[in-house]
Amino acid sequence: PTSTSFTVAVQGCSHGELDSIYEALKTYESQELQAENPERSGKIDILICCGDVQTLRNPADFHALNVPPKYKTMGDFHAYYSGRN
């Protein structure tokens, strides 16, 4: 890598599972650092989330979620929105 290169992670639909995504990124970074590959820093510089993110702030947001009832779950975005995470 050069001083101007960076690593991009791209995530498809996350459906409110931000904690799982961030944990997978941490695992990737630690495995890359352990591999000691001089051509890769192991650090992810940016995450691009594509598709359904499902950013539910609280249960009142369910009215705007157009999915079958079995998919209506809070996920963990609310913790990031409220500043708890």
Protein backbone atom coordinates (compact mmCIF):
# COMPACT_ATOMS: atom_id res chain seq x y z
CA PRO A 1 0.00 0.00 0.00
CA THR A 2 1.00 3.57 -0.52
CA SER A 3 0.45 6.48 1.80
CA THR A 4 -2.70 7.30 -0.16
CA SER A 5 -4.25 3.82 -0.26
CA PHE A 6 -7.00 2.71 2.06
CA THR A 7 -9.10 -0.35 2.75
CA VAL A 8 -12.85 -0.32 2.12
CA ALA A 9 -15.30 -2.82 3.59
CA VAL A 10 -18.69 -3.16 1.89
CA GLN A 11 -21.67 -4.64 3.71
CA GLY A 12 -24.93 -5.63 2.07
CA CYS A 13 -28.19 -5.58 3.99
CA SER A 14 -27.50 -5.34 7.69
CA HIS A 15 -31.06 -5.35 9.08
CA GLY A 16 -30.08 -3.61 12.30
CA GLU A 17 -27.18 -5.94 13.11
CA LEU A 18 -24.47 -3.29 13.46
CA ASP A 19 -22.80 -5.01 16.42
CA SER A 20 -22.29 -8.17 14.35
CA ILE A 21 -20.83 -6.19 11.47
CA TYR A 22 -18.41 -4.27 13.69
CA GLU A 23 -17.35 -7.50 15.40
CA ALA A 24 -16.64 -9.11 12.00
CA LEU A 25 -14.53 -6.10 11.03
CA LYS A 26 -12.54 -6.35 14.26
CA THR A 27 -11.96 -10.05 13.64
CA TYR A 28 -10.79 -9.35 10.08
CA GLU A 29 -8.43 -6.62 11.26
CA SER A 30 -6.90 -8.79 13.98
CA GLN A 31 -6.42 -11.72 11.57
CA GLU A 32 -4.74 -9.42 9.03
CA LEU A 33 -2.42 -8.01 11.67
CA GLN A 34 -1.51 -11.51 12.86
CA ALA A 35 -0.72 -12.55 9.28
CA GLU A 36 1.92 -9.79 9.18
CA ASN A 37 1.40 -9.24 5.47
CA PRO A 38 3.59 -6.24 4.59
CA GLU A 39 1.38 -5.38 1.62
CA ARG A 40 -1.70 -4.89 3.79
CA SER A 41 -2.15 -2.78 6.89
CA GLY A 42 -5.02 -4.87 8.28
CA LYS A 43 -6.91 -1.70 9.16
CA ILE A 44 -10.28 -1.01 7.57
CA ASP A 45 -10.55 2.69 6.86
CA ILE A 46 -14.18 2.95 5.78
CA LEU A 47 -17.32 0.82 5.93
CA ILE A 48 -19.99 1.29 3.26
CA CYS A 49 -23.38 -0.13 4.18
CA CYS A 50 -25.57 -0.89 1.17
CA GLY A 51 -29.10 -2.18 1.20
CA ASP A 52 -31.41 -2.32 4.20
CA VAL A 53 -29.80 -0.94 7.33
CA GLN A 54 -33.00 -0.90 9.40
CA THR A 55 -32.28 2.14 11.54
CA LEU A 56 -35.00 1.81 14.17
CA ARG A 57 -34.57 4.39 16.91
CA ASN A 58 -37.31 3.05 19.16
CA PRO A 59 -40.48 0.91 18.94
CA ALA A 60 -42.45 3.89 17.60
CA ASP A 61 -40.50 3.51 14.32
CA PHE A 62 -42.12 0.12 13.61
CA HIS A 63 -45.05 1.88 11.92
CA ALA A 64 -42.71 2.94 9.10
CA LEU A 65 -41.17 -0.52 8.63
CA ASN A 66 -42.85 -2.35 5.76
CA VAL A 67 -41.84 -5.96 6.45
CA PRO A 68 -43.67 -9.10 7.62
CA PRO A 69 -44.18 -9.14 11.42
CA LYS A 70 -41.56 -11.86 11.94
CA TYR A 71 -38.89 -9.43 10.67
CA LYS A 72 -39.89 -6.58 12.96
CA THR A 73 -37.03 -6.57 15.43
CA MET A 74 -35.31 -3.61 17.05
CA GLY A 75 -31.80 -4.68 16.13
CA ASP A 76 -29.04 -2.66 17.77
CA PHE A 77 -29.10 0.66 15.90
CA HIS A 78 -31.11 2.23 18.75
CA ALA A 79 -28.06 1.89 21.03
CA TYR A 80 -25.92 3.85 18.58
CA TYR A 81 -28.65 6.44 18.04
CA SER A 82 -29.05 7.02 21.77
CA GLY A 83 -25.29 7.22 22.35
CA ARG A 84 -25.11 4.05 24.48
CA ASN A 85 -22.83 2.35 21.96
